[in-house]
Every structure is written in structure tokens, then in C-alpha cells.
Amino acid sequence: MKKVNPQGKGQVPVLQSLEVVRQLPARDRSTEEWLLDYLIGALVISAEFSFKPIPNKAYYLYWLDGDWTLSIISPDEWGNRLRTTPVARCKLREDYSWILTPYESVKNNPEVLAAIADFQTAFIEFIDSPSPVVENLPFCRAELSWYPRLMAFGLSKSLELSLQRSGTEHQTGQNLLEQISYEKNMLLSHCTTLSNAEQLLQ
């Protein structure tokens, strides 16, 4: 049996964090907004980080040596020590979904664009299932460290609440994907600074 206090956080802080997640505000989402929030959240959660993100505070996503990394340090603060192109400025919403604002330089980085496209392809393949989509939310990802796992749990609760509000909690992933034109690079087209991404990835 696993300990209640992962990474030595102590039982009380863990319970307090989980209680915050259980009281998340519900937000209405269209199908495309729901899938996009899930996709962006999954991308951020897949990054390596060892701090607790705070709502409405800026964080920075990097593609470093073939992996995603989330940092509290901005590209300007890194200065000459920055070894890779920064991908996006990220901000956690109160409902544990994420806002992602890509940097203009990303559209000139084929490696990062390919990594984003690969992530989205894998995400769509995962979502494209005949089972209720709520069953595929990352409520408990044991392989994640504590703070990414907490973010995954919070995102799952947020997305589940939206489904419940709209009465679509029994929708399958296949049904949701049929409602949008996801073949148009859902994440890439959302990022307006990546306007030429589709051409690069064709």
C-alpha cells in the first residue's frame, strides 16, 4: 500500500490540496473547449516539474532534450544559460485547466512543432474510444510525481464537472471527436502564433 504523503509532503498538506480540488468551480465548455482544455492540460501535466502551480501565476513550458519541462523561470531570466527554444507561457486557471500562450519563435522550430503534433496525435488516439470519456480522465496517474498527479486530479475533476453540467458525462470519446474538426490540428490551430504550423506538418 502506498503512503498517503507522497514525496514527504505530510498528510495534512496532502488532504488540504485534495480538498481544494474537490471544491473546484464548474465551468460550461463547448465540446471543442472541453477537448482543448483536456489536451493542453495533458501536455502541461506530462512535463517534468517539482513545484505546486498556483492559479493565475505564469509558468514556462520548455522542450529540453526530447522532454517537456515546466519551469518557474522565464526565458528572459535564463538569459544566455537557456539551452533550448521556449515553447509557451502557461497559466493555471482557478478550475485547474491551463491557458497556453506559445512564443512566436516556436513556429520556426520544426522539432518543437513535430513534438506538439505527435503529442496531439497520441492524445486523439487515446480519446478515440467507445467507452465513456470520463473513464479515460487522468484521476489517478500513479507514475506521476506528486504535483503533476495533483494537477491531473484537478483537471479531471474540472472536466468531469463540465460534462455533468451539460448532461454529457456518458458521452464517448468517439462521439466528442465526431463533433469537431480535430483533423485541423486542434492545438496548433488554437495557438495563433503558430499560423503556419499546418503547412510545416503536411
C-alpha atoms as a PDB file:
ATOM      1  CA  MET A   1       0.000   0.000   0.000  1.00  0.00           C
ATOM      2  CA  LYS A   2       1.322   3.453  -0.927  1.00  0.00           C
ATOM      3  CA  LYS A   3       1.917   6.094   1.704  1.00  0.00           C
ATOM      4  CA  VAL A   4      -0.551   8.958   2.000  1.00  0.00           C
ATOM      5  CA  ASN A   5       2.257  11.519   1.999  1.00  0.00           C
ATOM      6  CA  PRO A   6       3.988  11.205  -1.395  1.00  0.00           C
ATOM      7  CA  GLN A   7       7.394  12.874  -1.615  1.00  0.00           C
ATOM      8  CA  GLY A   8       7.316  13.562   2.116  1.00  0.00           C
ATOM      9  CA  LYS A   9       4.641  16.260   1.895  1.00  0.00           C
ATOM     10  CA  GLY A  10       2.882  15.141   5.071  1.00  0.00           C
ATOM     11  CA  GLN A  11      -0.720  14.024   5.434  1.00  0.00           C
ATOM     12  CA  VAL A  12      -2.277  17.400   6.319  1.00  0.00           C
ATOM     13  CA  PRO A  13      -0.957  19.355   3.278  1.00  0.00           C
ATOM     14  CA  VAL A  14      -1.985  16.487   1.012  1.00  0.00           C
ATOM     15  CA  LEU A  15      -5.524  16.432   2.391  1.00  0.00           C
ATOM     16  CA  GLN A  16      -5.744  20.226   2.153  1.00  0.00           C
ATOM     17  CA  SER A  17      -4.684  20.117  -1.507  1.00  0.00           C
ATOM     18  CA  LEU A  18      -7.233  17.428  -2.303  1.00  0.00           C
ATOM     19  CA  GLU A  19      -9.984  19.384  -0.531  1.00  0.00           C
ATOM     20  CA  VAL A  20      -9.263  22.413  -2.741  1.00  0.00           C
ATOM     21  CA  VAL A  21      -9.639  20.211  -5.800  1.00  0.00           C
ATOM     22  CA  ARG A  22     -12.941  18.796  -4.555  1.00  0.00           C
ATOM     23  CA  GLN A  23     -14.340  22.358  -4.324  1.00  0.00           C
ATOM     24  CA  LEU A  24     -13.360  23.443  -7.829  1.00  0.00           C
ATOM     25  CA  PRO A  25     -15.770  25.773  -9.650  1.00  0.00           C
ATOM     26  CA  ALA A  26     -17.711  24.222 -12.513  1.00  0.00           C
ATOM     27  CA  ARG A  27     -17.362  25.833 -15.936  1.00  0.00           C
ATOM     28  CA  ASP A  28     -19.514  25.438 -19.037  1.00  0.00           C
ATOM     29  CA  ARG A  29     -17.494  24.274 -22.028  1.00  0.00           C
ATOM     30  CA  SER A  30     -18.316  23.583 -25.652  1.00  0.00           C
ATOM     31  CA  THR A  31     -17.096  20.236 -26.997  1.00  0.00           C
ATOM     32  CA  GLU A  32     -14.100  21.882 -28.646  1.00  0.00           C
ATOM     33  CA  GLU A  33     -13.257  23.856 -25.484  1.00  0.00           C
ATOM     34  CA  TRP A  34     -13.525  20.672 -23.406  1.00  0.00           C
ATOM     35  CA  LEU A  35     -11.208  18.699 -25.659  1.00  0.00           C
ATOM     36  CA  LEU A  36      -8.779  21.594 -25.974  1.00  0.00           C
ATOM     37  CA  ASP A  37      -8.625  22.087 -22.199  1.00  0.00           C
ATOM     38  CA  TYR A  38      -8.005  18.349 -21.802  1.00  0.00           C
ATOM     39  CA  LEU A  39      -5.293  18.360 -24.469  1.00  0.00           C
ATOM     40  CA  ILE A  40      -3.476  21.441 -23.139  1.00  0.00           C
ATOM     41  CA  GLY A  41      -3.774  20.199 -19.560  1.00  0.00           C
ATOM     42  CA  ALA A  42      -2.417  16.789 -20.532  1.00  0.00           C
ATOM     43  CA  LEU A  43       0.528  18.440 -22.274  1.00  0.00           C
ATOM     44  CA  VAL A  44       1.419  20.537 -19.227  1.00  0.00           C
ATOM     45  CA  ILE A  45       0.931  17.615 -16.839  1.00  0.00           C
ATOM     46  CA  SER A  46       3.253  15.469 -18.958  1.00  0.00           C
ATOM     47  CA  ALA A  47       6.049  17.971 -18.298  1.00  0.00           C
ATOM     48  CA  GLU A  48       8.574  17.459 -15.543  1.00  0.00           C
ATOM     49  CA  PHE A  49       8.173  19.802 -12.570  1.00  0.00           C
ATOM     50  CA  SER A  50       8.541  19.553  -8.793  1.00  0.00           C
ATOM     51  CA  PHE A  51       6.602  22.580  -7.518  1.00  0.00           C
ATOM     52  CA  LYS A  52       2.947  23.294  -6.835  1.00  0.00           C
ATOM     53  CA  PRO A  53       1.497  25.569  -9.550  1.00  0.00           C
ATOM     54  CA  ILE A  54      -0.594  28.458  -8.243  1.00  0.00           C
ATOM     55  CA  PRO A  55      -3.638  29.751 -10.166  1.00  0.00           C
ATOM     56  CA  ASN A  56      -3.100  32.939 -12.196  1.00  0.00           C
ATOM     57  CA  LYS A  57       0.689  32.796 -11.905  1.00  0.00           C
ATOM     58  CA  ALA A  58       2.860  32.494 -15.033  1.00  0.00           C
ATOM     59  CA  TYR A  59       4.938  29.384 -15.724  1.00  0.00           C
ATOM     60  CA  TYR A  60       7.024  28.443 -18.718  1.00  0.00           C
ATOM     61  CA  LEU A  61       6.984  25.315 -20.859  1.00  0.00           C
ATOM     62  CA  TYR A  62      10.231  24.184 -22.495  1.00  0.00           C
ATOM     63  CA  TRP A  63      11.172  21.348 -24.847  1.00  0.00           C
ATOM     64  CA  LEU A  64      14.509  20.169 -23.484  1.00  0.00           C
ATOM     65  CA  ASP A  65      16.461  17.132 -24.707  1.00  0.00           C
ATOM     66  CA  GLY A  66      13.340  15.408 -26.000  1.00  0.00           C
ATOM     67  CA  ASP A  67      11.161  16.053 -22.948  1.00  0.00           C
ATOM     68  CA  TRP A  68       8.693  18.684 -21.756  1.00  0.00           C
ATOM     69  CA  THR A  69       9.733  20.744 -18.740  1.00  0.00           C
ATOM     70  CA  LEU A  70       7.638  23.251 -16.796  1.00  0.00           C
ATOM     71  CA  SER A  71       9.614  25.966 -15.011  1.00  0.00           C
ATOM     72  CA  ILE A  72       9.014  28.998 -12.821  1.00  0.00           C
ATOM     73  CA  ILE A  73      11.917  30.698 -14.632  1.00  0.00           C
ATOM     74  CA  SER A  74      11.114  32.764 -17.713  1.00  0.00           C
ATOM     75  CA  PRO A  75      13.264  32.754 -20.873  1.00  0.00           C
ATOM     76  CA  ASP A  76      14.477  36.273 -20.041  1.00  0.00           C
ATOM     77  CA  GLU A  77      15.598  35.130 -16.601  1.00  0.00           C
ATOM     78  CA  TRP A  78      17.530  32.230 -18.112  1.00  0.00           C
ATOM     79  CA  GLY A  79      19.419  34.634 -20.379  1.00  0.00           C
ATOM     80  CA  ASN A  80      22.468  33.061 -22.008  1.00  0.00           C
ATOM     81  CA  ARG A  81      22.003  29.878 -19.979  1.00  0.00           C
ATOM     82  CA  LEU A  82      18.883  28.947 -21.967  1.00  0.00           C
ATOM     83  CA  ARG A  83      19.728  25.812 -23.946  1.00  0.00           C
ATOM     84  CA  THR A  84      16.511  25.441 -25.915  1.00  0.00           C
ATOM     85  CA  THR A  85      13.690  27.385 -27.538  1.00  0.00           C
ATOM     86  CA  PRO A  86      10.916  28.196 -25.026  1.00  0.00           C
ATOM     87  CA  VAL A  87       7.573  26.769 -26.102  1.00  0.00           C
ATOM     88  CA  ALA A  88       4.881  28.668 -24.213  1.00  0.00           C
ATOM     89  CA  ARG A  89       3.872  30.786 -21.284  1.00  0.00           C
ATOM     90  CA  CYS A  90       1.384  28.827 -19.157  1.00  0.00           C
ATOM     91  CA  LYS A  91      -1.129  29.897 -16.557  1.00  0.00           C
ATOM     92  CA  LEU A  92      -3.251  27.706 -14.292  1.00  0.00           C
ATOM     93  CA  ARG A  93      -6.913  28.697 -14.088  1.00  0.00           C
ATOM     94  CA  GLU A  94      -8.917  28.503 -10.861  1.00  0.00           C
ATOM     95  CA  ASP A  95     -10.632  25.355 -12.205  1.00  0.00           C
ATOM     96  CA  TYR A  96      -7.262  23.602 -12.797  1.00  0.00           C
ATOM     97  CA  SER A  97      -7.339  23.888 -16.569  1.00  0.00           C
ATOM     98  CA  TRP A  98      -4.474  25.704 -18.265  1.00  0.00           C
ATOM     99  CA  ILE A  99      -4.032  28.684 -20.584  1.00  0.00           C
ATOM    100  CA  LEU A 100      -1.175  28.188 -23.022  1.00  0.00           C
ATOM    101  CA  THR A 101       0.336  31.106 -24.955  1.00  0.00           C
ATOM    102  CA  PRO A 102       3.074  29.959 -27.377  1.00  0.00           C
ATOM    103  CA  TYR A 103       6.108  32.049 -28.170  1.00  0.00           C
ATOM    104  CA  GLU A 104       6.462  33.419 -31.690  1.00  0.00           C
ATOM    105  CA  SER A 105       9.789  31.607 -32.086  1.00  0.00           C
ATOM    106  CA  VAL A 106       8.066  28.211 -31.888  1.00  0.00           C
ATOM    107  CA  LYS A 107       6.746  28.447 -35.444  1.00  0.00           C
ATOM    108  CA  ASN A 108      10.352  28.455 -36.675  1.00  0.00           C
ATOM    109  CA  ASN A 109      11.280  25.329 -34.721  1.00  0.00           C
ATOM    110  CA  PRO A 110      10.303  22.157 -36.676  1.00  0.00           C
ATOM    111  CA  GLU A 111      11.415  19.890 -33.814  1.00  0.00           C
ATOM    112  CA  VAL A 112       9.045  21.520 -31.323  1.00  0.00           C
ATOM    113  CA  LEU A 113       6.196  21.627 -33.855  1.00  0.00           C
ATOM    114  CA  ALA A 114       6.678  17.929 -34.565  1.00  0.00           C
ATOM    115  CA  ALA A 115       6.706  17.161 -30.826  1.00  0.00           C
ATOM    116  CA  ILE A 116       3.428  19.058 -30.352  1.00  0.00           C
ATOM    117  CA  ALA A 117       1.874  17.299 -33.354  1.00  0.00           C
ATOM    118  CA  ASP A 118       2.997  13.881 -32.056  1.00  0.00           C
ATOM    119  CA  PHE A 119       1.532  14.630 -28.642  1.00  0.00           C
ATOM    120  CA  GLN A 120      -1.795  15.644 -30.155  1.00  0.00           C
ATOM    121  CA  THR A 121      -1.902  12.546 -32.369  1.00  0.00           C
ATOM    122  CA  ALA A 122      -1.325  10.297 -29.358  1.00  0.00           C
ATOM    123  CA  PHE A 123      -3.959  12.221 -27.391  1.00  0.00           C
ATOM    124  CA  ILE A 124      -6.586  11.823 -30.122  1.00  0.00           C
ATOM    125  CA  GLU A 125      -5.831   8.118 -30.457  1.00  0.00           C
ATOM    126  CA  PHE A 126      -6.291   7.780 -26.696  1.00  0.00           C
ATOM    127  CA  ILE A 127      -9.570   9.732 -26.688  1.00  0.00           C
ATOM    128  CA  ASP A 128     -10.981   7.911 -29.728  1.00  0.00           C
ATOM    129  CA  SER A 129     -12.631   5.193 -27.651  1.00  0.00           C
ATOM    130  CA  PRO A 130     -16.127   3.648 -27.436  1.00  0.00           C
ATOM    131  CA  SER A 131     -16.058   3.908 -23.635  1.00  0.00           C
ATOM    132  CA  PRO A 132     -17.413   6.960 -21.746  1.00  0.00           C
ATOM    133  CA  VAL A 133     -14.791   9.683 -21.970  1.00  0.00           C
ATOM    134  CA  VAL A 134     -14.960  10.307 -18.219  1.00  0.00           C
ATOM    135  CA  GLU A 135     -13.448   6.845 -17.707  1.00  0.00           C
ATOM    136  CA  ASN A 136     -10.308   7.994 -19.511  1.00  0.00           C
ATOM    137  CA  LEU A 137      -9.670  11.101 -17.416  1.00  0.00           C
ATOM    138  CA  PRO A 138      -6.348  11.028 -15.507  1.00  0.00           C
ATOM    139  CA  PHE A 139      -7.837  10.973 -12.000  1.00  0.00           C
ATOM    140  CA  CYS A 140      -5.025   8.859 -10.602  1.00  0.00           C
ATOM    141  CA  ARG A 141      -1.765   8.576 -12.519  1.00  0.00           C
ATOM    142  CA  ALA A 142       0.462   6.606 -10.182  1.00  0.00           C
ATOM    143  CA  GLU A 143       3.511   7.061 -12.404  1.00  0.00           C
ATOM    144  CA  LEU A 144       3.440  10.846 -11.934  1.00  0.00           C
ATOM    145  CA  SER A 145       5.220  12.633  -9.128  1.00  0.00           C
ATOM    146  CA  TRP A 146       3.048  14.369  -6.535  1.00  0.00           C
ATOM    147  CA  TYR A 147       2.448  17.814  -8.019  1.00  0.00           C
ATOM    148  CA  PRO A 148       1.782  16.636 -11.607  1.00  0.00           C
ATOM    149  CA  ARG A 149      -0.524  13.996 -10.102  1.00  0.00           C
ATOM    150  CA  LEU A 150      -2.386  16.686  -8.151  1.00  0.00           C
ATOM    151  CA  MET A 151      -2.747  18.765 -11.337  1.00  0.00           C
ATOM    152  CA  ALA A 152      -4.028  15.691 -13.192  1.00  0.00           C
ATOM    153  CA  PHE A 153      -6.609  15.018 -10.480  1.00  0.00           C
ATOM    154  CA  GLY A 154      -7.736  18.652 -10.502  1.00  0.00           C
ATOM    155  CA  LEU A 155      -8.032  18.764 -14.287  1.00  0.00           C
ATOM    156  CA  SER A 156     -10.046  15.539 -14.235  1.00  0.00           C
ATOM    157  CA  LYS A 157     -12.500  16.917 -11.675  1.00  0.00           C
ATOM    158  CA  SER A 158     -12.863  20.146 -13.663  1.00  0.00           C
ATOM    159  CA  LEU A 159     -13.580  18.307 -16.910  1.00  0.00           C
ATOM    160  CA  GLU A 160     -15.941  15.879 -15.184  1.00  0.00           C
ATOM    161  CA  LEU A 161     -17.938  18.765 -13.678  1.00  0.00           C
ATOM    162  CA  SER A 162     -18.345  20.320 -17.128  1.00  0.00           C
ATOM    163  CA  LEU A 163     -19.682  17.043 -18.501  1.00  0.00           C
ATOM    164  CA  GLN A 164     -22.108  16.763 -15.609  1.00  0.00           C
ATOM    165  CA  ARG A 165     -23.340  20.348 -16.094  1.00  0.00           C
ATOM    166  CA  SER A 166     -24.100  19.655 -19.743  1.00  0.00           C
ATOM    167  CA  GLY A 167     -25.556  16.199 -19.079  1.00  0.00           C
ATOM    168  CA  THR A 168     -22.964  14.541 -21.321  1.00  0.00           C
ATOM    169  CA  GLU A 169     -20.991  12.547 -18.758  1.00  0.00           C
ATOM    170  CA  HIS A 170     -21.882   9.336 -20.638  1.00  0.00           C
ATOM    171  CA  GLN A 171     -20.555  10.597 -23.974  1.00  0.00           C
ATOM    172  CA  THR A 172     -17.837   8.501 -25.548  1.00  0.00           C
ATOM    173  CA  GLY A 173     -14.590   9.935 -26.804  1.00  0.00           C
ATOM    174  CA  GLN A 174     -15.581   8.907 -30.306  1.00  0.00           C
ATOM    175  CA  ASN A 175     -18.790  10.934 -30.070  1.00  0.00           C
ATOM    176  CA  LEU A 176     -16.934  14.022 -28.871  1.00  0.00           C
ATOM    177  CA  LEU A 177     -14.365  13.821 -31.659  1.00  0.00           C
ATOM    178  CA  GLU A 178     -17.109  13.451 -34.259  1.00  0.00           C
ATOM    179  CA  GLN A 179     -18.460  16.843 -33.192  1.00  0.00           C
ATOM    180  CA  ILE A 180     -15.310  18.821 -34.087  1.00  0.00           C
ATOM    181  CA  SER A 181     -12.843  19.079 -36.955  1.00  0.00           C
ATOM    182  CA  TYR A 182      -9.911  17.733 -34.970  1.00  0.00           C
ATOM    183  CA  GLU A 183      -8.052  16.812 -38.158  1.00  0.00           C
ATOM    184  CA  LYS A 184      -7.229  20.550 -38.460  1.00  0.00           C
ATOM    185  CA  ASN A 185      -4.607  20.339 -35.691  1.00  0.00           C
ATOM    186  CA  MET A 186      -6.737  21.300 -32.724  1.00  0.00           C
ATOM    187  CA  LEU A 187      -3.896  22.523 -30.524  1.00  0.00           C
ATOM    188  CA  LEU A 188      -1.756  24.028 -33.256  1.00  0.00           C
ATOM    189  CA  SER A 189      -4.592  25.974 -34.850  1.00  0.00           C
ATOM    190  CA  HIS A 190      -5.644  27.221 -31.413  1.00  0.00           C
ATOM    191  CA  CYS A 191      -2.205  28.773 -30.973  1.00  0.00           C
ATOM    192  CA  THR A 192      -2.487  31.808 -33.233  1.00  0.00           C
ATOM    193  CA  THR A 193       1.257  32.371 -33.242  1.00  0.00           C
ATOM    194  CA  LEU A 194       1.609  29.020 -34.985  1.00  0.00           C
ATOM    195  CA  SER A 195      -0.424  30.048 -38.009  1.00  0.00           C
ATOM    196  CA  ASN A 196       1.884  28.252 -40.438  1.00  0.00           C
ATOM    197  CA  ALA A 197       2.108  25.060 -38.410  1.00  0.00           C
ATOM    198  CA  GLU A 198      -0.265  23.073 -40.606  1.00  0.00           C
ATOM    199  CA  GLN A 199       1.872  23.780 -43.663  1.00  0.00           C
ATOM    200  CA  LEU A 200       5.015  22.693 -41.838  1.00  0.00           C
ATOM    201  CA  LEU A 201       3.444  19.442 -40.703  1.00  0.00           C
ATOM    202  CA  GLN A 202       1.823  18.395 -44.002  1.00  0.00           C
END
